[in-house]
Every structure is written in C-alpha cells, then in structure tokens.
N, C-alpha and C. Protein backbone atom coordinates (compact mmCIF):
# COMPACT_ATOMS: atom_id res chain seq x y z
N UNK A 1 5.37 19.36 10.23
CA UNK A 1 6.75 19.07 9.95
C UNK A 1 6.82 17.81 9.09
N UNK A 2 7.52 17.88 8.00
CA UNK A 2 7.73 16.72 7.15
C UNK A 2 8.92 15.93 7.68
N UNK A 3 8.77 14.63 7.77
CA UNK A 3 9.85 13.81 8.33
C UNK A 3 10.85 13.38 7.27
N UNK A 4 10.42 13.32 6.04
CA UNK A 4 11.25 12.82 4.94
C UNK A 4 11.70 11.38 5.19
N UNK A 5 11.08 10.72 6.18
CA UNK A 5 11.37 9.32 6.44
C UNK A 5 10.52 8.49 5.50
N UNK A 6 11.16 7.80 4.59
CA UNK A 6 10.46 7.04 3.56
C UNK A 6 10.91 5.59 3.62
N UNK A 7 9.94 4.70 3.58
CA UNK A 7 10.20 3.27 3.49
C UNK A 7 9.74 2.83 2.12
N UNK A 8 10.60 2.15 1.39
CA UNK A 8 10.23 1.63 0.08
C UNK A 8 10.60 0.16 0.04
N UNK A 9 9.68 -0.66 -0.48
CA UNK A 9 9.94 -2.08 -0.51
C UNK A 9 9.27 -2.73 -1.71
N UNK A 10 9.87 -3.80 -2.20
CA UNK A 10 9.23 -4.55 -3.28
C UNK A 10 8.04 -5.32 -2.71
N UNK A 11 6.96 -5.40 -3.45
CA UNK A 11 5.79 -6.17 -3.05
C UNK A 11 5.28 -6.95 -4.26
N UNK A 12 4.44 -7.92 -4.00
CA UNK A 12 3.80 -8.66 -5.08
C UNK A 12 2.32 -8.75 -4.77
N UNK A 13 1.51 -8.23 -5.67
CA UNK A 13 0.07 -8.24 -5.47
C UNK A 13 -0.62 -7.56 -6.64
N UNK A 14 -1.83 -7.10 -6.41
CA UNK A 14 -2.61 -6.43 -7.43
C UNK A 14 -3.27 -5.20 -6.84
N UNK A 15 -3.47 -4.19 -7.65
CA UNK A 15 -4.17 -2.99 -7.26
C UNK A 15 -5.16 -2.61 -8.34
N UNK A 16 -6.19 -1.87 -7.97
CA UNK A 16 -7.17 -1.44 -8.95
C UNK A 16 -7.13 0.07 -9.05
N UNK A 17 -6.84 0.55 -10.24
CA UNK A 17 -6.80 1.97 -10.51
C UNK A 17 -7.90 2.36 -11.49
N UNK A 18 -7.79 3.56 -12.02
CA UNK A 18 -8.80 4.08 -12.94
C UNK A 18 -8.97 3.22 -14.18
N UNK A 19 -7.90 2.56 -14.61
CA UNK A 19 -7.95 1.73 -15.83
C UNK A 19 -8.20 0.25 -15.53
N UNK A 20 -8.45 -0.09 -14.29
CA UNK A 20 -8.68 -1.48 -13.92
C UNK A 20 -7.55 -2.06 -13.09
N UNK A 21 -7.50 -3.37 -13.01
CA UNK A 21 -6.51 -4.07 -12.19
C UNK A 21 -5.14 -4.08 -12.86
N UNK A 22 -4.10 -4.02 -12.03
CA UNK A 22 -2.73 -4.11 -12.52
C UNK A 22 -1.87 -4.76 -11.45
N UNK A 23 -0.75 -5.34 -11.85
CA UNK A 23 0.19 -5.95 -10.91
C UNK A 23 0.91 -4.85 -10.14
N UNK A 24 0.99 -5.00 -8.82
CA UNK A 24 1.70 -4.05 -7.96
C UNK A 24 3.08 -4.62 -7.68
N UNK A 25 4.10 -3.79 -7.83
CA UNK A 25 5.48 -4.25 -7.67
C UNK A 25 6.25 -3.53 -6.57
N UNK A 26 5.79 -2.33 -6.14
CA UNK A 26 6.52 -1.63 -5.08
C UNK A 26 5.56 -0.84 -4.22
N UNK A 27 5.95 -0.69 -2.95
CA UNK A 27 5.18 0.10 -1.99
C UNK A 27 6.11 1.17 -1.41
N UNK A 28 5.57 2.36 -1.25
CA UNK A 28 6.29 3.45 -0.61
C UNK A 28 5.41 3.97 0.52
N UNK A 29 5.99 4.11 1.72
CA UNK A 29 5.27 4.57 2.90
C UNK A 29 6.03 5.76 3.47
N UNK A 30 5.32 6.86 3.72
CA UNK A 30 5.99 8.07 4.23
C UNK A 30 4.98 8.99 4.90
N UNK A 31 5.47 9.90 5.74
CA UNK A 31 4.64 10.92 6.38
C UNK A 31 4.94 12.25 5.69
N UNK A 32 3.89 12.94 5.27
CA UNK A 32 4.08 14.20 4.53
C UNK A 32 2.75 14.95 4.51
N UNK A 33 2.76 16.10 3.86
CA UNK A 33 1.52 16.84 3.62
C UNK A 33 0.70 16.05 2.60
N UNK A 34 -0.59 15.88 2.85
CA UNK A 34 -1.42 15.17 1.87
C UNK A 34 -1.74 16.05 0.67
N UNK A 35 -2.10 15.42 -0.40
CA UNK A 35 -2.56 16.13 -1.59
C UNK A 35 -4.06 16.40 -1.48
N UNK A 36 -4.81 15.44 -0.94
CA UNK A 36 -6.26 15.55 -0.93
C UNK A 36 -6.89 15.50 0.45
N UNK A 37 -6.36 14.71 1.37
CA UNK A 37 -6.95 14.56 2.70
C UNK A 37 -6.96 15.90 3.43
N UNK A 38 -7.92 16.12 4.35
CA UNK A 38 -8.06 17.41 5.02
C UNK A 38 -7.10 17.64 6.18
N UNK A 39 -6.16 16.73 6.41
CA UNK A 39 -5.24 16.85 7.54
C UNK A 39 -3.97 17.61 7.14
N UNK A 40 -3.25 18.14 8.14
CA UNK A 40 -1.98 18.83 7.85
C UNK A 40 -0.89 17.85 7.43
N UNK A 41 -0.89 16.67 8.05
CA UNK A 41 0.07 15.62 7.71
C UNK A 41 -0.67 14.29 7.72
N UNK A 42 -0.23 13.39 6.88
CA UNK A 42 -0.82 12.06 6.83
C UNK A 42 0.26 11.02 6.61
N UNK A 43 -0.09 9.78 6.93
CA UNK A 43 0.74 8.66 6.52
C UNK A 43 0.28 8.33 5.11
N UNK A 44 1.20 8.34 4.17
CA UNK A 44 0.89 8.12 2.77
C UNK A 44 1.44 6.77 2.33
N UNK A 45 0.64 6.04 1.60
CA UNK A 45 1.03 4.75 1.06
C UNK A 45 0.78 4.77 -0.44
N UNK A 46 1.80 4.53 -1.21
CA UNK A 46 1.68 4.42 -2.66
C UNK A 46 2.02 3.00 -3.06
N UNK A 47 1.12 2.37 -3.77
CA UNK A 47 1.34 1.03 -4.33
C UNK A 47 1.42 1.21 -5.83
N UNK A 48 2.56 0.79 -6.43
CA UNK A 48 2.78 1.11 -7.84
C UNK A 48 3.38 -0.06 -8.61
N UNK A 49 3.31 0.11 -9.92
CA UNK A 49 4.07 -0.73 -10.84
C UNK A 49 4.78 0.24 -11.79
N UNK A 50 6.03 0.61 -11.46
CA UNK A 50 6.75 1.61 -12.26
C UNK A 50 6.86 1.25 -13.74
N UNK A 51 6.89 -0.03 -14.06
CA UNK A 51 7.02 -0.47 -15.45
C UNK A 51 5.81 -0.06 -16.29
N UNK A 52 4.66 0.16 -15.65
CA UNK A 52 3.43 0.49 -16.37
C UNK A 52 3.14 1.99 -16.43
N UNK A 53 4.02 2.81 -15.84
CA UNK A 53 3.83 4.25 -15.91
C UNK A 53 3.05 4.81 -14.73
N UNK A 54 2.83 6.13 -14.71
CA UNK A 54 2.23 6.80 -13.56
C UNK A 54 0.77 6.43 -13.28
N UNK A 55 0.06 5.91 -14.25
CA UNK A 55 -1.34 5.56 -14.00
C UNK A 55 -1.49 4.25 -13.24
N UNK A 56 -0.42 3.46 -13.13
CA UNK A 56 -0.46 2.20 -12.39
C UNK A 56 -0.07 2.47 -10.94
N UNK A 57 -0.99 3.15 -10.23
CA UNK A 57 -0.71 3.59 -8.86
C UNK A 57 -2.01 3.64 -8.07
N UNK A 58 -1.93 3.16 -6.84
CA UNK A 58 -3.01 3.31 -5.87
C UNK A 58 -2.40 4.08 -4.71
N UNK A 59 -3.02 5.18 -4.31
CA UNK A 59 -2.47 6.03 -3.26
C UNK A 59 -3.45 6.12 -2.09
N UNK A 60 -2.92 6.13 -0.87
CA UNK A 60 -3.70 6.33 0.35
C UNK A 60 -3.09 7.48 1.14
N UNK A 61 -3.93 8.32 1.71
CA UNK A 61 -3.51 9.34 2.66
C UNK A 61 -4.36 9.14 3.91
N UNK A 62 -3.74 8.68 5.01
CA UNK A 62 -4.46 8.32 6.22
C UNK A 62 -4.03 9.18 7.39
N UNK A 63 -4.99 9.60 8.22
CA UNK A 63 -4.60 10.28 9.46
C UNK A 63 -3.91 9.25 10.35
N UNK A 64 -3.22 9.72 11.38
CA UNK A 64 -2.41 8.83 12.21
C UNK A 64 -3.21 7.71 12.86
N UNK A 65 -4.39 8.03 13.40
CA UNK A 65 -5.20 7.01 14.06
C UNK A 65 -5.66 5.95 13.06
N UNK A 66 -6.05 6.37 11.87
CA UNK A 66 -6.48 5.41 10.86
C UNK A 66 -5.32 4.53 10.40
N UNK A 67 -4.14 5.13 10.24
CA UNK A 67 -2.96 4.36 9.81
C UNK A 67 -2.59 3.30 10.85
N UNK A 68 -2.62 3.71 12.12
CA UNK A 68 -2.31 2.74 13.19
C UNK A 68 -3.36 1.63 13.25
N UNK A 69 -4.64 1.99 13.13
CA UNK A 69 -5.71 1.00 13.16
C UNK A 69 -5.58 0.03 11.98
N UNK A 70 -5.23 0.53 10.81
CA UNK A 70 -5.04 -0.33 9.64
C UNK A 70 -3.87 -1.29 9.87
N UNK A 71 -2.76 -0.78 10.37
CA UNK A 71 -1.59 -1.63 10.64
C UNK A 71 -1.94 -2.72 11.64
N UNK A 72 -2.69 -2.38 12.68
CA UNK A 72 -3.09 -3.36 13.69
C UNK A 72 -4.05 -4.39 13.10
N UNK A 73 -4.98 -3.95 12.25
CA UNK A 73 -5.93 -4.87 11.62
C UNK A 73 -5.20 -5.85 10.70
N UNK A 74 -4.22 -5.35 9.95
CA UNK A 74 -3.42 -6.22 9.09
C UNK A 74 -2.68 -7.25 9.94
N UNK A 75 -2.09 -6.81 11.02
CA UNK A 75 -1.35 -7.72 11.90
C UNK A 75 -2.28 -8.78 12.50
N UNK A 76 -3.48 -8.37 12.93
CA UNK A 76 -4.43 -9.34 13.49
C UNK A 76 -4.86 -10.35 12.44
N UNK A 77 -5.18 -9.88 11.23
CA UNK A 77 -5.62 -10.78 10.17
C UNK A 77 -4.52 -11.78 9.82
N UNK A 78 -3.28 -11.31 9.72
CA UNK A 78 -2.17 -12.22 9.42
C UNK A 78 -1.93 -13.20 10.56
N UNK A 79 -2.11 -12.72 11.79
CA UNK A 79 -1.92 -13.59 12.96
C UNK A 79 -2.94 -14.71 13.04
N UNK A 80 -4.12 -14.52 12.45
CA UNK A 80 -5.17 -15.55 12.47
C UNK A 80 -5.14 -16.45 11.23
N UNK A 81 -4.20 -16.20 10.34
CA UNK A 81 -4.11 -16.97 9.10
C UNK A 81 -3.28 -18.22 9.34
N UNK A 82 -3.76 -19.37 8.89
CA UNK A 82 -2.99 -20.61 9.07
C UNK A 82 -1.59 -20.50 8.46
N UNK A 83 -0.62 -21.08 9.13
CA UNK A 83 0.77 -21.07 8.64
C UNK A 83 0.84 -21.59 7.22
N UNK A 84 1.59 -20.91 6.38
CA UNK A 84 1.83 -21.35 5.02
C UNK A 84 0.75 -20.98 4.02
N UNK A 85 -0.42 -20.52 4.47
CA UNK A 85 -1.52 -20.24 3.55
C UNK A 85 -1.16 -19.16 2.54
N UNK A 86 -0.52 -18.10 2.98
CA UNK A 86 -0.18 -17.00 2.08
C UNK A 86 1.12 -17.23 1.33
N UNK A 87 1.89 -18.23 1.71
CA UNK A 87 3.15 -18.52 1.05
C UNK A 87 3.02 -19.65 0.05
N UNK A 88 1.80 -20.10 -0.19
CA UNK A 88 1.55 -21.24 -1.05
C UNK A 88 1.69 -20.89 -2.53
N UNK A 89 1.12 -21.71 -3.34
CA UNK A 89 1.17 -21.55 -4.80
C UNK A 89 0.54 -20.24 -5.24
N UNK A 90 1.04 -19.70 -6.33
CA UNK A 90 0.50 -18.45 -6.87
C UNK A 90 -0.36 -18.75 -8.08
N UNK A 91 -1.27 -17.82 -8.36
CA UNK A 91 -2.10 -17.94 -9.56
C UNK A 91 -1.64 -16.91 -10.56
N UNK A 92 -2.23 -16.90 -11.73
CA UNK A 92 -1.86 -15.93 -12.76
C UNK A 92 -2.70 -14.67 -12.67
N UNK A 93 -3.62 -14.56 -11.70
CA UNK A 93 -4.44 -13.37 -11.57
C UNK A 93 -3.56 -12.18 -11.21
N UNK A 94 -3.88 -11.00 -11.76
CA UNK A 94 -3.17 -9.78 -11.43
C UNK A 94 -1.85 -9.61 -12.14
N UNK A 95 -1.49 -10.53 -13.02
CA UNK A 95 -0.21 -10.40 -13.72
C UNK A 95 -0.34 -9.59 -14.96
C-alpha cells in the first residue's frame, strides 16, 4: 500500500552523484514502491538541487528496519556532538 505521505524540506549540504559533488538544496522523504530495491515498499529519500536539473540527485531506497536504524544512528551522532559545532561558520565547499 502506498501511503502518499511525503515530507519535503529545504536542506543545506552536499551530495555526490554520477557527475561529482553538488550542493544539495532539498530533501524528500516518502514510503512507496522502490525502483531498484528488492522490497515491495521502502522508505525513499531523495536529496536534490532542482536548480541543477535531474542529474543533481542522490536517491536512497531503504527497508523499514534500515531506515529506522539510520534515523536512530543520526540521532545518536547528533546527540554526541558538542553544542554549536554544526551551527558554526560555513565553508565554501559544496557550493
């Protein structure tokens, strides 16, 4: 069953695609049928820069257990990061 529940948010970072590194500007998260993964449904994450066209995209299709484990690992890593470290000055890398 497709949920059609989609979360879309602006992000700032970098992704590496077939043509190399590019600035990532938006993330889309949704549950749907995968294109490539062997599961019936997956949690899909697309990281894109729409200004650069369709090739500026990194896509993930994760089974439910992997998606939950990834979310928990991200939360643990952020929880162990000193306050303010990720909110500090930015560099020009990935722009």
